[in-house]
Amino acid sequence: MQTRSIPFLHPASLLSTWFGAGLVKIAPGTWGSLAALPFAWVISYYTGYLGLIIGSLLAYLVGIWASGAYSKAIGREDPGQVVIDEVAGQWLALAFVPLDPVFYLISFALFRFFDIVKVFPANWIDRNVEGGLGIMSDDMIAGAYALIVFYLLDLFLI
């Protein structure tokens, strides 16, 4: 069986793996989410929550193309090294989170939980929607769930 590949410096590869973060062999999704945090901090610091929402949506749209092209090039549906979906979802989860390391950690943990558990409709999308749209969409739902839960925690506990 021949292994298919795509050059690392190809734009679809760079973006899909979030500049190589997804190439870490153990827990690439977690590494992708971690790699999203400093970018989120800078975007939020300079542009506020609106900039982070726009950034998340742009990452989602670019990610549909990049992750679809990458997965097609290597011949695997939703390969683990594609982490731009974690970036887009994590940025959405952080959209209204104050610039505080503890709150970022809480949001990070919530996003990872919802990304792994895949609460409906994310689980349905993960099983039924192919290509870049499927790769990206379940993580955006996880990001939205994390955002809602953080908001509720902030409202009632923090």
Protein backbone atom coordinates (compact mmCIF):
# COMPACT_ATOMS: atom_id res chain seq x y z
CA MET A 1 0.00 0.00 0.00
CA GLN A 2 1.40 3.36 -1.02
CA THR A 3 1.34 6.18 1.52
CA ARG A 4 0.11 9.44 0.05
CA SER A 5 1.39 12.75 1.31
CA ILE A 6 1.37 16.48 0.88
CA PRO A 7 4.42 18.75 1.26
CA PHE A 8 4.62 20.40 4.69
CA LEU A 9 5.02 23.85 3.14
CA HIS A 10 1.87 23.49 1.03
CA PRO A 11 -0.68 26.04 2.35
CA ALA A 12 -3.25 23.30 3.03
CA SER A 13 -0.68 21.41 5.09
CA LEU A 14 0.56 24.43 7.02
CA LEU A 15 -2.94 25.59 7.87
CA SER A 16 -4.47 22.16 8.52
CA THR A 17 -1.72 21.17 10.94
CA TRP A 18 -1.63 24.69 12.37
CA PHE A 19 1.97 25.17 11.35
CA GLY A 20 2.97 21.71 12.56
CA ALA A 21 1.19 21.56 15.94
CA GLY A 22 -0.95 18.69 14.67
CA LEU A 23 2.10 16.64 13.76
CA VAL A 24 2.79 15.86 17.42
CA LYS A 25 2.16 12.11 17.67
CA ILE A 26 0.43 12.09 21.08
CA ALA A 27 -2.88 13.98 21.45
CA PRO A 28 -2.57 16.22 18.37
CA GLY A 29 -6.00 17.77 18.99
CA THR A 30 -4.94 18.89 22.44
CA TRP A 31 -1.73 20.35 21.01
CA GLY A 32 -3.76 22.13 18.33
CA SER A 33 -6.01 23.65 20.98
CA LEU A 34 -2.99 24.71 23.04
CA ALA A 35 -1.37 26.26 19.96
CA ALA A 36 -4.56 28.28 19.41
CA LEU A 37 -4.38 29.95 22.84
CA PRO A 38 -1.60 32.52 22.29
CA PHE A 39 -3.13 33.56 18.97
CA ALA A 40 -6.51 33.95 20.68
CA TRP A 41 -4.96 36.07 23.42
CA VAL A 42 -3.34 38.44 20.92
CA ILE A 43 -6.46 38.68 18.73
CA SER A 44 -8.68 39.29 21.74
CA TYR A 45 -6.27 41.79 23.29
CA TYR A 46 -6.16 43.96 20.15
CA THR A 47 -9.65 43.47 18.76
CA GLY A 48 -11.85 42.24 21.61
CA TYR A 49 -14.46 39.53 21.45
CA LEU A 50 -15.67 40.58 18.00
CA GLY A 51 -12.21 40.06 16.50
CA LEU A 52 -12.00 36.60 18.01
CA ILE A 53 -15.42 35.66 16.67
CA ILE A 54 -14.42 36.89 13.21
CA GLY A 55 -11.11 35.04 13.53
CA SER A 56 -12.94 31.86 14.47
CA LEU A 57 -15.27 32.16 11.49
CA LEU A 58 -12.36 32.88 9.13
CA ALA A 59 -10.44 29.88 10.50
CA TYR A 60 -13.60 27.80 10.01
CA LEU A 61 -14.01 28.87 6.39
CA VAL A 62 -10.32 28.53 5.52
CA GLY A 63 -10.26 25.26 7.45
CA ILE A 64 -13.03 23.76 5.32
CA TRP A 65 -10.79 24.16 2.29
CA ALA A 66 -7.47 23.33 3.98
CA SER A 67 -8.61 20.27 5.93
CA GLY A 68 -10.54 18.95 2.93
CA ALA A 69 -7.52 19.36 0.65
CA TYR A 70 -5.16 17.85 3.22
CA SER A 71 -7.32 14.82 3.97
CA LYS A 72 -7.87 14.19 0.27
CA ALA A 73 -4.14 14.51 -0.44
CA ILE A 74 -3.19 11.92 2.18
CA GLY A 75 -6.19 9.70 1.47
CA ARG A 76 -7.70 9.70 4.96
CA GLU A 77 -10.98 11.13 6.19
CA ASP A 78 -10.46 13.44 9.22
CA PRO A 79 -6.80 12.67 9.91
CA GLY A 80 -5.60 13.36 13.45
CA GLN A 81 -2.92 15.78 12.34
CA VAL A 82 -5.57 18.21 11.08
CA VAL A 83 -6.01 20.63 13.97
CA ILE A 84 -7.27 23.83 12.35
CA ASP A 85 -10.70 22.61 13.47
CA GLU A 86 -9.48 22.76 17.08
CA VAL A 87 -8.13 26.26 16.46
CA ALA A 88 -11.45 27.55 15.10
CA GLY A 89 -13.47 25.84 17.84
CA GLN A 90 -11.13 26.93 20.62
CA TRP A 91 -11.23 30.53 19.43
CA LEU A 92 -15.03 30.43 19.45
CA ALA A 93 -14.98 28.97 22.97
CA LEU A 94 -12.73 31.84 24.10
CA ALA A 95 -14.71 34.63 22.41
CA PHE A 96 -16.20 36.10 25.59
CA VAL A 97 -13.60 34.83 28.06
CA PRO A 98 -11.69 37.56 29.94
CA LEU A 99 -7.96 37.78 29.32
CA ASP A 100 -7.03 35.79 32.40
CA PRO A 101 -4.90 32.62 32.34
CA VAL A 102 -7.22 30.79 34.76
CA PHE A 103 -10.28 31.55 32.64
CA TYR A 104 -8.40 30.53 29.49
CA LEU A 105 -7.53 27.22 31.17
CA ILE A 106 -11.17 26.64 32.12
CA SER A 107 -12.31 27.42 28.57
CA PHE A 108 -9.58 25.18 27.16
CA ALA A 109 -10.72 22.28 29.37
CA LEU A 110 -14.38 22.82 28.47
CA PHE A 111 -13.60 22.88 24.76
CA ARG A 112 -11.47 19.72 24.94
CA PHE A 113 -14.27 17.98 26.87
CA PHE A 114 -16.94 18.86 24.31
CA ASP A 115 -14.60 18.12 21.39
CA ILE A 116 -13.89 14.62 22.73
CA VAL A 117 -17.42 13.76 23.94
CA LYS A 118 -19.14 15.15 20.81
CA VAL A 119 -22.58 16.06 22.14
CA PHE A 120 -25.40 16.13 19.56
CA PRO A 121 -25.40 17.44 16.87
CA ALA A 122 -21.57 17.26 16.79
CA ASN A 123 -21.65 13.45 16.95
CA TRP A 124 -24.10 13.30 14.06
CA ILE A 125 -21.96 15.67 11.96
CA ASP A 126 -18.83 13.68 12.81
CA ARG A 127 -20.45 10.48 11.48
CA ASN A 128 -22.42 11.86 8.53
CA VAL A 129 -20.78 14.95 7.03
CA GLU A 130 -17.71 14.27 4.91
CA GLY A 131 -14.75 16.37 3.83
CA GLY A 132 -13.64 19.68 5.21
CA LEU A 133 -17.16 20.71 6.23
CA GLY A 134 -17.49 17.68 8.47
CA ILE A 135 -13.98 18.01 9.88
CA MET A 136 -14.58 21.63 10.86
CA SER A 137 -18.22 21.72 11.91
CA ASP A 138 -18.21 19.33 14.87
CA ASP A 139 -15.46 21.40 16.51
CA MET A 140 -17.39 24.62 16.02
CA ILE A 141 -20.30 23.02 17.84
CA ALA A 142 -17.93 21.94 20.62
CA GLY A 143 -16.69 25.53 20.78
CA ALA A 144 -20.24 26.84 21.03
CA TYR A 145 -21.06 24.39 23.84
CA ALA A 146 -17.88 25.39 25.70
CA LEU A 147 -18.76 29.06 25.25
CA ILE A 148 -22.27 28.53 26.66
CA VAL A 149 -21.05 26.49 29.64
CA PHE A 150 -18.34 29.06 30.44
CA TYR A 151 -20.95 31.82 30.27
CA LEU A 152 -23.20 29.89 32.69
CA LEU A 153 -20.29 29.21 35.05
CA ASP A 154 -19.35 32.87 34.93
CA LEU A 155 -22.94 33.90 35.54
CA PHE A 156 -23.56 31.63 38.52
CA LEU A 157 -20.19 30.69 40.03
CA ILE A 158 -17.32 32.92 39.05
